[in-house]
C-alpha atoms as a PDB file:
ATOM      1  CA  UNK A   1     -19.518   3.011  -6.073  1.00  0.00           C
ATOM      2  CA  UNK A   2     -19.526   4.402  -2.307  1.00  0.00           C
ATOM      3  CA  UNK A   3     -17.945   7.272  -1.324  1.00  0.00           C
ATOM      4  CA  UNK A   4     -14.915   5.716  -0.352  1.00  0.00           C
ATOM      5  CA  UNK A   5     -14.285   4.043  -3.339  1.00  0.00           C
ATOM      6  CA  UNK A   6     -14.843   7.412  -5.233  1.00  0.00           C
ATOM      7  CA  UNK A   7     -12.324   9.178  -2.922  1.00  0.00           C
ATOM      8  CA  UNK A   8      -9.732   6.460  -3.864  1.00  0.00           C
ATOM      9  CA  UNK A   9     -10.491   6.496  -7.371  1.00  0.00           C
ATOM     10  CA  UNK A  10      -9.895  10.139  -7.434  1.00  0.00           C
ATOM     11  CA  UNK A  11      -6.747   9.623  -5.366  1.00  0.00           C
ATOM     12  CA  UNK A  12      -5.317   6.944  -8.127  1.00  0.00           C
ATOM     13  CA  UNK A  13      -6.472   9.054 -10.939  1.00  0.00           C
ATOM     14  CA  UNK A  14      -4.047  11.883  -9.532  1.00  0.00           C
ATOM     15  CA  UNK A  15      -1.088   9.550  -8.894  1.00  0.00           C
ATOM     16  CA  UNK A  16      -1.401   8.116 -12.631  1.00  0.00           C
ATOM     17  CA  UNK A  17      -1.352  11.435 -14.113  1.00  0.00           C
ATOM     18  CA  UNK A  18       2.095  12.661 -12.173  1.00  0.00           C
ATOM     19  CA  UNK A  19       3.413   8.769 -11.646  1.00  0.00           C
ATOM     20  CA  UNK A  20       4.368   9.874  -8.143  1.00  0.00           C
ATOM     21  CA  UNK A  21       2.675   9.745  -4.999  1.00  0.00           C
ATOM     22  CA  UNK A  22       2.440  12.981  -2.596  1.00  0.00           C
ATOM     23  CA  UNK A  23       2.403  12.680   1.551  1.00  0.00           C
ATOM     24  CA  UNK A  24      -1.302  13.953   1.356  1.00  0.00           C
ATOM     25  CA  UNK A  25      -2.272  11.350  -1.041  1.00  0.00           C
ATOM     26  CA  UNK A  26      -0.732   8.415   1.051  1.00  0.00           C
ATOM     27  CA  UNK A  27      -2.541   9.906   3.800  1.00  0.00           C
ATOM     28  CA  UNK A  28      -5.694   9.687   2.234  1.00  0.00           C
ATOM     29  CA  UNK A  29      -4.959   5.832   0.881  1.00  0.00           C
ATOM     30  CA  UNK A  30      -3.581   5.016   4.546  1.00  0.00           C
ATOM     31  CA  UNK A  31      -7.010   6.187   5.810  1.00  0.00           C
ATOM     32  CA  UNK A  32      -8.914   4.099   3.492  1.00  0.00           C
ATOM     33  CA  UNK A  33      -6.555   0.789   3.410  1.00  0.00           C
ATOM     34  CA  UNK A  34      -4.972   0.856   6.668  1.00  0.00           C
ATOM     35  CA  UNK A  35      -2.321  -1.854   7.022  1.00  0.00           C
ATOM     36  CA  UNK A  36      -3.193  -3.260   3.446  1.00  0.00           C
ATOM     37  CA  UNK A  37      -1.303  -0.003   1.927  1.00  0.00           C
ATOM     38  CA  UNK A  38       1.652  -0.299   4.137  1.00  0.00           C
ATOM     39  CA  UNK A  39       1.672  -4.104   2.960  1.00  0.00           C
ATOM     40  CA  UNK A  40       1.248  -3.040  -0.473  1.00  0.00           C
ATOM     41  CA  UNK A  41       4.025  -0.642  -0.861  1.00  0.00           C
ATOM     42  CA  UNK A  42       6.391  -3.382   0.460  1.00  0.00           C
ATOM     43  CA  UNK A  43       5.218  -5.453  -2.193  1.00  0.00           C
ATOM     44  CA  UNK A  44       6.069  -2.843  -4.495  1.00  0.00           C
ATOM     45  CA  UNK A  45       9.399  -1.867  -3.165  1.00  0.00           C
ATOM     46  CA  UNK A  46      10.291  -5.464  -3.540  1.00  0.00           C
ATOM     47  CA  UNK A  47       8.958  -5.185  -7.529  1.00  0.00           C
ATOM     48  CA  UNK A  48       6.908  -7.862  -6.757  1.00  0.00           C
ATOM     49  CA  UNK A  49       4.136  -7.001  -9.289  1.00  0.00           C
ATOM     50  CA  UNK A  50       3.813  -8.311 -12.685  1.00  0.00           C
ATOM     51  CA  UNK A  51       1.544  -7.181 -15.490  1.00  0.00           C
ATOM     52  CA  UNK A  52       0.900 -10.209 -17.738  1.00  0.00           C
ATOM     53  CA  UNK A  53      -0.374  -8.603 -20.921  1.00  0.00           C
ATOM     54  CA  UNK A  54      -1.678 -10.951 -24.060  1.00  0.00           C
ATOM     55  CA  UNK A  55      -0.692 -10.474 -27.618  1.00  0.00           C
ATOM     56  CA  UNK A  56      -2.278  -9.019 -29.893  1.00  0.00           C
ATOM     57  CA  UNK A  57      -5.238  -8.380 -27.644  1.00  0.00           C
ATOM     58  CA  UNK A  58      -3.434  -6.311 -24.787  1.00  0.00           C
ATOM     59  CA  UNK A  59      -5.489  -8.107 -22.444  1.00  0.00           C
ATOM     60  CA  UNK A  60      -3.777  -8.134 -19.143  1.00  0.00           C
ATOM     61  CA  UNK A  61      -3.701  -9.741 -15.381  1.00  0.00           C
ATOM     62  CA  UNK A  62      -1.331  -8.851 -12.544  1.00  0.00           C
ATOM     63  CA  UNK A  63       0.739 -11.555 -10.639  1.00  0.00           C
ATOM     64  CA  UNK A  64       1.601 -10.239  -7.171  1.00  0.00           C
ATOM     65  CA  UNK A  65       3.857 -11.790  -4.715  1.00  0.00           C
ATOM     66  CA  UNK A  66       2.613 -12.562  -1.147  1.00  0.00           C
ATOM     67  CA  UNK A  67       4.239 -11.864   2.021  1.00  0.00           C
ATOM     68  CA  UNK A  68       4.561 -15.155   3.347  1.00  0.00           C
ATOM     69  CA  UNK A  69       7.573 -17.032   3.801  1.00  0.00           C
ATOM     70  CA  UNK A  70       6.487 -18.998   0.939  1.00  0.00           C
ATOM     71  CA  UNK A  71       6.417 -16.394  -1.391  1.00  0.00           C
ATOM     72  CA  UNK A  72       3.077 -17.409  -2.935  1.00  0.00           C
ATOM     73  CA  UNK A  73       1.891 -15.504  -6.080  1.00  0.00           C
ATOM     74  CA  UNK A  74      -1.502 -14.600  -6.854  1.00  0.00           C
ATOM     75  CA  UNK A  75      -3.161 -13.641  -9.860  1.00  0.00           C
ATOM     76  CA  UNK A  76      -5.499 -10.569  -9.669  1.00  0.00           C
ATOM     77  CA  UNK A  77      -7.555  -7.736 -11.319  1.00  0.00           C
ATOM     78  CA  UNK A  78      -6.543  -4.698  -9.675  1.00  0.00           C
ATOM     79  CA  UNK A  79     -10.029  -3.296  -9.326  1.00  0.00           C
ATOM     80  CA  UNK A  80     -12.192  -6.377  -8.837  1.00  0.00           C
ATOM     81  CA  UNK A  81     -10.622  -9.820  -8.230  1.00  0.00           C
ATOM     82  CA  UNK A  82      -7.757 -11.333  -6.317  1.00  0.00           C
ATOM     83  CA  UNK A  83      -7.254 -15.386  -6.051  1.00  0.00           C
ATOM     84  CA  UNK A  84      -5.961 -15.042  -2.446  1.00  0.00           C
ATOM     85  CA  UNK A  85      -7.620 -16.059   0.722  1.00  0.00           C
ATOM     86  CA  UNK A  86      -8.248 -12.370   2.287  1.00  0.00           C
ATOM     87  CA  UNK A  87     -10.055 -11.244  -0.726  1.00  0.00           C
ATOM     88  CA  UNK A  88     -12.824 -13.894  -0.095  1.00  0.00           C
ATOM     89  CA  UNK A  89     -12.602 -13.663   3.735  1.00  0.00           C
ATOM     90  CA  UNK A  90     -12.300  -9.986   4.238  1.00  0.00           C
ATOM     91  CA  UNK A  91     -13.725  -8.610   0.934  1.00  0.00           C
ATOM     92  CA  UNK A  92     -16.645 -10.829  -0.320  1.00  0.00           C
ATOM     93  CA  UNK A  93     -17.506 -12.527   3.058  1.00  0.00           C
ATOM     94  CA  UNK A  94     -17.192  -9.973   5.792  1.00  0.00           C
ATOM     95  CA  UNK A  95     -16.969  -6.936   3.641  1.00  0.00           C
ATOM     96  CA  UNK A  96     -14.532  -5.137   5.841  1.00  0.00           C
ATOM     97  CA  UNK A  97     -12.240  -3.669   3.234  1.00  0.00           C
ATOM     98  CA  UNK A  98     -12.026  -2.394  -0.258  1.00  0.00           C
ATOM     99  CA  UNK A  99      -9.632  -4.314  -1.633  1.00  0.00           C
ATOM    100  CA  UNK A 100      -6.687  -6.654  -0.526  1.00  0.00           C
ATOM    101  CA  UNK A 101      -2.881  -5.877  -0.403  1.00  0.00           C
ATOM    102  CA  UNK A 102      -2.235  -7.670  -3.501  1.00  0.00           C
ATOM    103  CA  UNK A 103      -5.043  -5.493  -5.594  1.00  0.00           C
ATOM    104  CA  UNK A 104      -3.630  -2.363  -3.607  1.00  0.00           C
ATOM    105  CA  UNK A 105      -0.005  -3.334  -4.889  1.00  0.00           C
ATOM    106  CA  UNK A 106      -1.355  -3.773  -8.285  1.00  0.00           C
ATOM    107  CA  UNK A 107      -2.956  -0.469  -8.496  1.00  0.00           C
ATOM    108  CA  UNK A 108      -0.054   1.255  -6.843  1.00  0.00           C
ATOM    109  CA  UNK A 109       2.547  -0.155  -9.174  1.00  0.00           C
ATOM    110  CA  UNK A 110       0.566   0.589 -12.175  1.00  0.00           C
ATOM    111  CA  UNK A 111      -0.319   4.043 -11.349  1.00  0.00           C
ATOM    112  CA  UNK A 112       3.657   4.946 -10.449  1.00  0.00           C
ATOM    113  CA  UNK A 113       4.581   2.818 -13.696  1.00  0.00           C
ATOM    114  CA  UNK A 114       6.646   0.390 -12.034  1.00  0.00           C
ATOM    115  CA  UNK A 115       4.978  -2.928 -13.012  1.00  0.00           C
ATOM    116  CA  UNK A 116       7.290  -5.517 -14.521  1.00  0.00           C
ATOM    117  CA  UNK A 117       5.739  -6.108 -17.703  1.00  0.00           C
ATOM    118  CA  UNK A 118       5.501  -9.742 -19.357  1.00  0.00           C
ATOM    119  CA  UNK A 119       4.355 -10.297 -22.948  1.00  0.00           C
ATOM    120  CA  UNK A 120       2.684 -13.718 -23.467  1.00  0.00           C
ATOM    121  CA  UNK A 121       0.489 -14.785 -26.402  1.00  0.00           C
ATOM    122  CA  UNK A 122      -3.376 -14.649 -25.861  1.00  0.00           C
ATOM    123  CA  UNK A 123      -3.451 -18.355 -25.858  1.00  0.00           C
ATOM    124  CA  UNK A 124      -1.077 -18.614 -22.713  1.00  0.00           C
ATOM    125  CA  UNK A 125      -3.280 -15.984 -21.028  1.00  0.00           C
ATOM    126  CA  UNK A 126      -6.232 -17.895 -21.540  1.00  0.00           C
ATOM    127  CA  UNK A 127      -4.434 -20.874 -20.061  1.00  0.00           C
ATOM    128  CA  UNK A 128      -3.501 -18.784 -17.113  1.00  0.00           C
ATOM    129  CA  UNK A 129      -7.044 -17.524 -16.791  1.00  0.00           C
ATOM    130  CA  UNK A 130      -8.533 -20.869 -16.990  1.00  0.00           C
ATOM    131  CA  UNK A 131      -6.776 -22.104 -14.046  1.00  0.00           C
ATOM    132  CA  UNK A 132      -7.892 -19.149 -11.736  1.00  0.00           C
END
């Protein structure tokens, strides 16, 4: 994990412990993530983050609404993967970003406790994952 990732992780943990975001924390996150943070906050404000959890396992994946006119939805794991184009282009191929706006939105919504929680069977969750 690089220094930027460690700083971000520390801030996320602070936010999770209080379920709120201070101006200082927002400044740090904005410095690390730039425009992606602004876009992520818009997605969270519009309740665009669903956490789909399988039962009884408790395993989960996020479904995050995009900002385009088509309102596409992307499946992601907040800390590791997103199915969007930007994840593969900016993060995997070019290494220019730590994560995409969908991952940030998932992490922010989880940290402040505003995810829309959806429960499905483990079988349904497995079907969703098999289509990624």
